[in-house]
């Protein structure tokens, strides 16, 4: 289940997480992003608390997208220990995404 949370800064949220964080950089007008949203819900259920999933709307937070060099949507960035450890552009199936991020759990 997705939980809305407020942070003083994106960087603080990433740096202070005890779990790996998968960040979905998306836009509301992006069709593939909408597809990815449903896939992320499934991944969240299957991984059952092993990873935190965070969504960043690039239209609302362009400075965050720019600082992380987001060029395409959707882009998923995996953070562990406050550092970016993997980047995925485009849509994957839930199984492909679980396989890809499994090495960081």
N, C-alpha and C. Protein backbone atom coordinates (compact mmCIF):
# COMPACT_ATOMS: atom_id res chain seq x y z
N UNK A 1 0.83 -1.18 0.00
CA UNK A 1 0.00 0.00 0.00
C UNK A 1 0.88 1.24 0.00
N UNK A 2 0.57 2.18 -0.84
CA UNK A 2 1.34 3.42 -0.93
C UNK A 2 0.97 4.33 0.23
N UNK A 3 1.99 4.98 0.76
CA UNK A 3 1.78 5.91 1.85
C UNK A 3 2.39 7.24 1.46
N UNK A 4 1.59 8.31 1.54
CA UNK A 4 2.11 9.64 1.24
C UNK A 4 2.88 10.13 2.46
N UNK A 5 4.10 10.61 2.20
CA UNK A 5 4.91 11.14 3.28
C UNK A 5 5.48 12.48 2.86
N UNK A 6 5.75 13.32 3.82
CA UNK A 6 6.37 14.62 3.58
C UNK A 6 7.80 14.57 4.12
N UNK A 7 8.71 15.18 3.37
CA UNK A 7 10.11 15.26 3.80
C UNK A 7 10.57 16.69 3.63
N UNK A 8 11.57 17.06 4.41
CA UNK A 8 12.12 18.40 4.26
C UNK A 8 12.88 18.51 2.94
N UNK A 9 13.47 17.41 2.50
CA UNK A 9 14.12 17.39 1.19
C UNK A 9 14.18 15.96 0.66
N UNK A 10 14.21 15.86 -0.65
CA UNK A 10 14.33 14.56 -1.30
C UNK A 10 15.63 13.88 -0.87
N UNK A 11 16.72 14.64 -0.85
CA UNK A 11 18.03 14.07 -0.50
C UNK A 11 18.02 13.53 0.93
N UNK A 12 17.34 14.21 1.86
CA UNK A 12 17.24 13.70 3.23
C UNK A 12 16.48 12.39 3.28
N UNK A 13 15.40 12.30 2.51
CA UNK A 13 14.60 11.07 2.48
C UNK A 13 15.43 9.90 1.98
N UNK A 14 16.24 10.14 0.95
CA UNK A 14 17.09 9.09 0.38
C UNK A 14 18.20 8.70 1.35
N UNK A 15 18.85 9.68 1.92
CA UNK A 15 20.00 9.43 2.78
C UNK A 15 19.63 8.76 4.10
N UNK A 16 18.43 9.04 4.60
CA UNK A 16 18.06 8.56 5.92
C UNK A 16 17.19 7.31 5.92
N UNK A 17 17.07 6.66 4.78
CA UNK A 17 16.23 5.46 4.70
C UNK A 17 16.99 4.23 5.16
N UNK A 18 16.33 3.42 5.96
CA UNK A 18 16.91 2.15 6.39
C UNK A 18 16.69 1.04 5.35
N UNK A 19 15.86 1.31 4.35
CA UNK A 19 15.58 0.36 3.28
C UNK A 19 16.08 0.92 1.95
N UNK A 20 16.37 0.05 0.98
CA UNK A 20 16.63 0.55 -0.37
C UNK A 20 15.38 1.29 -0.86
N UNK A 21 15.58 2.32 -1.66
CA UNK A 21 14.46 3.11 -2.19
C UNK A 21 14.48 3.04 -3.70
N UNK A 22 13.32 2.70 -4.27
CA UNK A 22 13.14 2.73 -5.71
C UNK A 22 12.31 3.97 -6.02
N UNK A 23 12.91 4.92 -6.74
CA UNK A 23 12.23 6.17 -7.06
C UNK A 23 11.71 6.11 -8.49
N UNK A 24 10.42 6.35 -8.63
CA UNK A 24 9.76 6.41 -9.93
C UNK A 24 9.62 7.87 -10.32
N UNK A 25 10.43 8.32 -11.29
CA UNK A 25 10.30 9.66 -11.84
C UNK A 25 9.27 9.57 -12.96
N UNK A 26 8.18 10.32 -12.84
CA UNK A 26 7.05 10.17 -13.76
C UNK A 26 6.42 11.54 -14.03
N UNK A 27 5.46 11.55 -14.95
CA UNK A 27 4.60 12.71 -15.19
C UNK A 27 3.18 12.20 -15.37
N UNK A 28 2.21 12.98 -14.94
CA UNK A 28 0.82 12.55 -15.00
C UNK A 28 0.32 12.36 -16.42
N UNK A 29 0.90 13.08 -17.40
CA UNK A 29 0.48 12.99 -18.79
C UNK A 29 1.14 11.84 -19.55
N UNK A 30 2.04 11.12 -18.91
CA UNK A 30 2.85 10.08 -19.56
C UNK A 30 2.14 8.73 -19.49
N UNK A 31 1.73 8.21 -20.66
CA UNK A 31 1.04 6.92 -20.72
C UNK A 31 1.86 5.76 -20.15
N UNK A 32 3.13 5.59 -20.58
CA UNK A 32 3.94 4.53 -20.00
C UNK A 32 4.12 4.66 -18.48
N UNK A 33 4.12 5.90 -17.99
CA UNK A 33 4.24 6.12 -16.54
C UNK A 33 3.02 5.56 -15.81
N UNK A 34 1.85 5.73 -16.42
CA UNK A 34 0.62 5.21 -15.82
C UNK A 34 0.66 3.68 -15.79
N UNK A 35 1.19 3.07 -16.85
CA UNK A 35 1.35 1.61 -16.87
C UNK A 35 2.30 1.18 -15.75
N UNK A 36 3.39 1.92 -15.60
CA UNK A 36 4.41 1.58 -14.60
C UNK A 36 3.85 1.69 -13.19
N UNK A 37 2.93 2.61 -12.98
CA UNK A 37 2.33 2.79 -11.65
C UNK A 37 1.66 1.51 -11.16
N UNK A 38 0.90 0.87 -12.03
CA UNK A 38 0.23 -0.39 -11.67
C UNK A 38 1.26 -1.50 -11.41
N UNK A 39 2.31 -1.52 -12.20
CA UNK A 39 3.38 -2.52 -12.02
C UNK A 39 4.08 -2.31 -10.68
N UNK A 40 4.32 -1.05 -10.32
CA UNK A 40 4.98 -0.76 -9.04
C UNK A 40 4.11 -1.18 -7.85
N UNK A 41 2.80 -1.04 -7.98
CA UNK A 41 1.90 -1.51 -6.92
C UNK A 41 2.06 -3.02 -6.73
N UNK A 42 2.13 -3.75 -7.83
CA UNK A 42 2.30 -5.20 -7.76
C UNK A 42 3.66 -5.55 -7.15
N UNK A 43 4.72 -4.86 -7.56
CA UNK A 43 6.07 -5.11 -7.03
C UNK A 43 6.09 -4.83 -5.53
N UNK A 44 5.45 -3.76 -5.11
CA UNK A 44 5.40 -3.41 -3.70
C UNK A 44 4.73 -4.52 -2.88
N UNK A 45 3.67 -5.09 -3.40
CA UNK A 45 2.97 -6.18 -2.72
C UNK A 45 3.86 -7.42 -2.66
N UNK A 46 4.48 -7.77 -3.78
CA UNK A 46 5.30 -8.98 -3.84
C UNK A 46 6.56 -8.88 -2.97
N UNK A 47 7.15 -7.70 -2.88
CA UNK A 47 8.38 -7.55 -2.09
C UNK A 47 8.10 -7.30 -0.61
N UNK A 48 6.85 -7.02 -0.29
CA UNK A 48 6.38 -7.00 1.10
C UNK A 48 7.32 -6.27 2.07
N UNK A 49 7.58 -5.01 1.78
CA UNK A 49 8.34 -4.19 2.72
C UNK A 49 9.85 -4.28 2.62
N UNK A 50 10.38 -4.96 1.61
CA UNK A 50 11.84 -5.06 1.45
C UNK A 50 12.44 -3.84 0.77
N UNK A 51 11.59 -3.04 0.12
CA UNK A 51 12.04 -1.85 -0.58
C UNK A 51 10.98 -0.76 -0.38
N UNK A 52 11.42 0.48 -0.32
CA UNK A 52 10.49 1.60 -0.24
C UNK A 52 10.37 2.17 -1.66
N UNK A 53 9.14 2.38 -2.11
CA UNK A 53 8.91 2.94 -3.43
C UNK A 53 8.44 4.38 -3.26
N UNK A 54 9.12 5.28 -3.96
CA UNK A 54 8.82 6.70 -3.88
C UNK A 54 8.54 7.19 -5.30
N UNK A 55 7.54 8.06 -5.44
CA UNK A 55 7.19 8.61 -6.74
C UNK A 55 7.47 10.11 -6.73
N UNK A 56 8.14 10.58 -7.80
CA UNK A 56 8.44 12.00 -7.94
C UNK A 56 7.86 12.48 -9.27
N UNK A 57 6.90 13.40 -9.18
CA UNK A 57 6.30 14.00 -10.37
C UNK A 57 7.28 15.04 -10.92
N UNK A 58 7.81 14.77 -12.10
CA UNK A 58 8.85 15.64 -12.66
C UNK A 58 8.31 17.02 -13.06
N UNK A 59 7.00 17.15 -13.25
CA UNK A 59 6.42 18.46 -13.54
C UNK A 59 6.33 19.31 -12.28
N UNK A 60 6.08 18.67 -11.15
CA UNK A 60 5.99 19.40 -9.88
C UNK A 60 7.36 19.66 -9.26
N UNK A 61 8.31 18.77 -9.53
CA UNK A 61 9.64 18.87 -8.93
C UNK A 61 10.73 18.78 -9.99
N UNK A 62 10.75 19.73 -10.93
CA UNK A 62 11.73 19.66 -12.02
C UNK A 62 13.18 19.76 -11.53
N UNK A 63 13.41 20.44 -10.42
CA UNK A 63 14.78 20.57 -9.91
C UNK A 63 15.32 19.23 -9.43
N UNK A 64 14.47 18.38 -8.87
CA UNK A 64 14.91 17.05 -8.44
C UNK A 64 15.22 16.20 -9.67
N UNK A 65 14.33 16.24 -10.65
CA UNK A 65 14.55 15.48 -11.89
C UNK A 65 15.84 15.93 -12.57
N UNK A 66 16.06 17.21 -12.62
CA UNK A 66 17.27 17.74 -13.26
C UNK A 66 18.53 17.32 -12.51
N UNK A 67 18.48 17.39 -11.20
CA UNK A 67 19.68 17.03 -10.41
C UNK A 67 20.02 15.55 -10.53
N UNK A 68 19.05 14.72 -10.90
CA UNK A 68 19.30 13.29 -11.08
C UNK A 68 19.34 12.91 -12.56
N UNK A 69 19.46 13.92 -13.42
CA UNK A 69 19.65 13.74 -14.86
C UNK A 69 18.60 12.86 -15.50
N UNK A 70 17.34 13.13 -15.17
CA UNK A 70 16.23 12.38 -15.75
C UNK A 70 15.97 12.92 -17.16
N UNK A 71 16.14 12.07 -18.16
CA UNK A 71 15.99 12.45 -19.56
C UNK A 71 14.76 11.83 -20.21
N UNK A 72 14.28 10.71 -19.68
CA UNK A 72 13.15 9.99 -20.26
C UNK A 72 12.20 9.58 -19.15
N UNK A 73 10.94 9.37 -19.52
CA UNK A 73 9.94 8.95 -18.54
C UNK A 73 9.28 7.67 -19.04
N UNK A 74 8.97 6.75 -18.15
CA UNK A 74 9.37 6.76 -16.75
C UNK A 74 10.85 6.37 -16.60
N UNK A 75 11.46 6.90 -15.56
CA UNK A 75 12.79 6.47 -15.16
C UNK A 75 12.72 6.04 -13.71
N UNK A 76 13.23 4.86 -13.44
CA UNK A 76 13.31 4.34 -12.07
C UNK A 76 14.76 4.39 -11.64
N UNK A 77 15.00 4.92 -10.45
CA UNK A 77 16.35 4.98 -9.91
C UNK A 77 16.34 4.28 -8.56
N UNK A 78 17.24 3.32 -8.40
CA UNK A 78 17.37 2.57 -7.15
C UNK A 78 18.46 3.23 -6.31
N UNK A 79 18.12 3.55 -5.07
CA UNK A 79 19.06 4.13 -4.12
C UNK A 79 19.27 3.16 -2.97
N UNK A 80 20.51 3.01 -2.57
CA UNK A 80 20.83 2.19 -1.41
C UNK A 80 21.94 2.92 -0.64
N UNK A 81 21.73 3.10 0.65
CA UNK A 81 22.70 3.82 1.44
C UNK A 81 22.88 5.25 0.98
N UNK A 82 21.83 5.84 0.44
CA UNK A 82 21.88 7.21 -0.03
C UNK A 82 22.50 7.41 -1.39
N UNK A 83 22.95 6.32 -2.03
CA UNK A 83 23.62 6.41 -3.33
C UNK A 83 22.79 5.73 -4.42
N UNK A 84 22.84 6.30 -5.62
CA UNK A 84 22.19 5.68 -6.78
C UNK A 84 22.98 4.44 -7.18
N UNK A 85 22.28 3.29 -7.25
CA UNK A 85 22.97 2.03 -7.59
C UNK A 85 22.46 1.41 -8.90
N UNK A 86 21.32 1.90 -9.42
CA UNK A 86 20.80 1.37 -10.68
C UNK A 86 19.81 2.37 -11.25
N UNK A 87 19.65 2.33 -12.57
CA UNK A 87 18.74 3.23 -13.28
C UNK A 87 18.08 2.43 -14.41
N UNK A 88 16.76 2.58 -14.50
CA UNK A 88 15.98 1.88 -15.52
C UNK A 88 15.11 2.91 -16.23
N UNK A 89 15.21 2.97 -17.54
CA UNK A 89 14.34 3.84 -18.33
C UNK A 89 13.34 2.99 -19.08
N UNK A 90 12.07 3.39 -19.02
CA UNK A 90 11.03 2.65 -19.72
C UNK A 90 10.28 1.70 -18.81
N UNK A 91 9.41 0.95 -19.42
CA UNK A 91 8.50 0.05 -18.68
C UNK A 91 9.07 -1.36 -18.67
N UNK A 92 9.03 -1.98 -17.49
CA UNK A 92 9.37 -3.40 -17.32
C UNK A 92 8.15 -4.11 -16.74
N UNK A 93 8.09 -5.42 -16.90
CA UNK A 93 7.06 -6.19 -16.21
C UNK A 93 7.44 -6.26 -14.73
N UNK A 94 6.48 -6.63 -13.90
CA UNK A 94 6.76 -6.76 -12.47
C UNK A 94 7.87 -7.78 -12.23
N UNK A 95 7.84 -8.89 -12.95
CA UNK A 95 8.85 -9.94 -12.78
C UNK A 95 10.24 -9.43 -13.16
N UNK A 96 10.33 -8.69 -14.28
CA UNK A 96 11.61 -8.13 -14.71
C UNK A 96 12.14 -7.13 -13.69
N UNK A 97 11.26 -6.32 -13.16
CA UNK A 97 11.68 -5.31 -12.19
C UNK A 97 12.14 -5.96 -10.90
N UNK A 98 11.43 -6.96 -10.44
CA UNK A 98 11.83 -7.68 -9.21
C UNK A 98 13.19 -8.33 -9.41
N UNK A 99 13.40 -8.96 -10.56
CA UNK A 99 14.70 -9.56 -10.85
C UNK A 99 15.81 -8.50 -10.86
N UNK A 100 15.52 -7.37 -11.46
CA UNK A 100 16.54 -6.32 -11.59
C UNK A 100 16.92 -5.72 -10.25
N UNK A 101 15.93 -5.44 -9.38
CA UNK A 101 16.24 -4.79 -8.11
C UNK A 101 16.58 -5.78 -6.99
N UNK A 102 16.32 -7.06 -7.24
CA UNK A 102 16.57 -8.08 -6.22
C UNK A 102 17.99 -8.10 -5.70
N UNK A 103 18.95 -7.78 -6.54
CA UNK A 103 20.36 -7.80 -6.11
C UNK A 103 20.68 -6.71 -5.09
N UNK A 104 19.80 -5.72 -4.94
CA UNK A 104 20.06 -4.62 -4.01
C UNK A 104 19.29 -4.75 -2.70
N UNK A 105 18.52 -5.82 -2.56
CA UNK A 105 17.71 -6.00 -1.34
C UNK A 105 18.51 -6.69 -0.25
